[in-house]
Amino acid sequence: MRKIHQLTFANRYARLPEHFYSRVRPTPLPAPYLVSFNASAAKLIDLDAAEAQRPDFAEHFSGNRLPPDAEPLAMLYAGHQFGQFVPQLGDGRAIMLGEIRNHAGEHWELQLKGSGVTPYSRRGDGRAVLRSSIREYLCSEAMHGLGIPTSRALCIVGSDEPVYREYAETAAVLTRLAPSHVRFGSFEVFASRGQQEHITSLADFVITHHYPEFAESPDKYRLFLQAVAQRTAKLMAQWQAVGFCHGVMNTDNMSILGLTLDYGPFGFMETFDPGYICNHSDPQGRYAYDQQPQVGLWNLACLAHALSKLVDEPMRDEIMESYAPTYYQHYLNLMAGKLGLTNPSMADFPLIEAWLELLQRNQMDFTLSFRKLGDFKTAPDADNSRIRDQFVDREAFDVWAQDYHARLSNENSDDQARKVSMDAVNPKYVLRNYLAQQAIEQAERGDYSEIDRLLALFSKPFDEQPEMERYAEPPPESARHIVVSCSS
């Protein structure tokens, strides 16, 4: 494992011409201190976890003390925000220091989010607040624990410097890691300017470093777009299967690698509602839960348009048409697994949809309902009352359970083996908004222990963890209507 001074940067993105970014140094953060450190993410860059104990650790990960071989930059991109094209966006409060290559040969970009003003700040202060930094830190690691592709979070550094949003808060810098932070909007910005040579250069860069299996193919651009479409379709299915809502699925927040990127007003759905809107800034529900798969396709169409000179129209159309089958097949596999079915087919969709309708009509908790279903018994004299009694409309449950029992019997399902498989894909713990809010409120009082407790909890979301039982409970009534917005 490495010490901080042994971290060396590769900076491949900085080798591109400066059309793609602006070189900028972080704004010094007054009197920084460590809020939380993630030893799991530190392993990605071979960083010795003991380094977090250094008195000057916060100086390094606030941007105050830069490594000698870092080349800090803010990335340029554009994007469709809530359906409207914004011709220039870019990293307005995030600065990438460069890439670290680990012992396995993987490259991880280190980005400081909240590290000060950049040329793309658009009159903003370039800072992040402690509240939003905690939310992204916890959620990116919770998503990783669920097995969903995501950026990672190394640490949070805080400061008593005031930052003004709806009210005065304190500043924080989040260090996040990803193999690449290139977005759909990274291509859109040059398409809007008619700068085809930059689109080609960026596509070649991404293919060479992140899709090398296509690099020598004469058809590499089509294969690249197709791979992005497939990854995006699968990511959308994974979000839907755990009830995750991103909240701001703008094209500038869509990863070219199919990662979950940019955690703002996210939410894990509690009471099942297909039209659930997690973002108070989205009153029309453009990014509601049931809209996410279609928005993923819409965003891909924007990317395909930006690549139109590299991939001809029939090929683009074929790729776009492949999105829905890829999504539905992956969604079917995930949802069937959540019901304990080992041989899923398209004929299982009515059973899945009927279960979701049952959850909706009875206002059931999405996460807990799937988890409890793992206790379903198929023996003729089995007592399933503990599951049944959770429903207001027990007769409707009985009707569904009869069909479910028949489906399980068709594949000779073993109750014990099925429970093991279901518990392995139905999490007991997700980052509910009230849990994040409790950690935030404690942190604002100077107590960061709840952040670390949740970090450990969500690293094993499928395990029972008896000592953490209370974290699996639905929110108390007083916390059911926590509002998050684009400032979150």
Foldseek 3Di string as FASTA:
>chain_A
DDAPLPWAFDFPVVVDPCVFWAFDAFDDFPPKDFLDFDVVVCVVQPYDPCNNVDPCPRCDQLRVDDHPRWGKIKGWFWWQWLNRTGLTATQQQKIWRHWTQHPVRAIKIKMKGQRAGDPRNVPPGSFAFPLQLLVVQLAQLLCVLLVAFAKHWGGKMWHQDWDADVHTGTTIIIIIIDSDLDFLRSLLNCLVVVNVVVNVVVLLSCCVRPVVVLNPPPLSVLVLLLQQLLLQLLNLLSCLLQQKFQQTPMRSQHDSNSHRGDRFQIFRAFQQDQQAHSAPACVVSCRGSVNPLVVSLVSSVSSCSSCCVPAPDVSSVVSSVVNVVSNVVSNQVLQCLLLLHDDTDPVCVVLSVLVSVQSNVQRGTPLVLSLLSLQDDLPPPDDPVVNLVSGPPSVSVVVSVVVSSVSCVVVPHDSVVSSVSNLSNRFLADPHPVLSVVQSVCVSVVDNVSSVVSSVCSSNRSDPPVVCNVRSDDDDPVPPDDHTHRSD
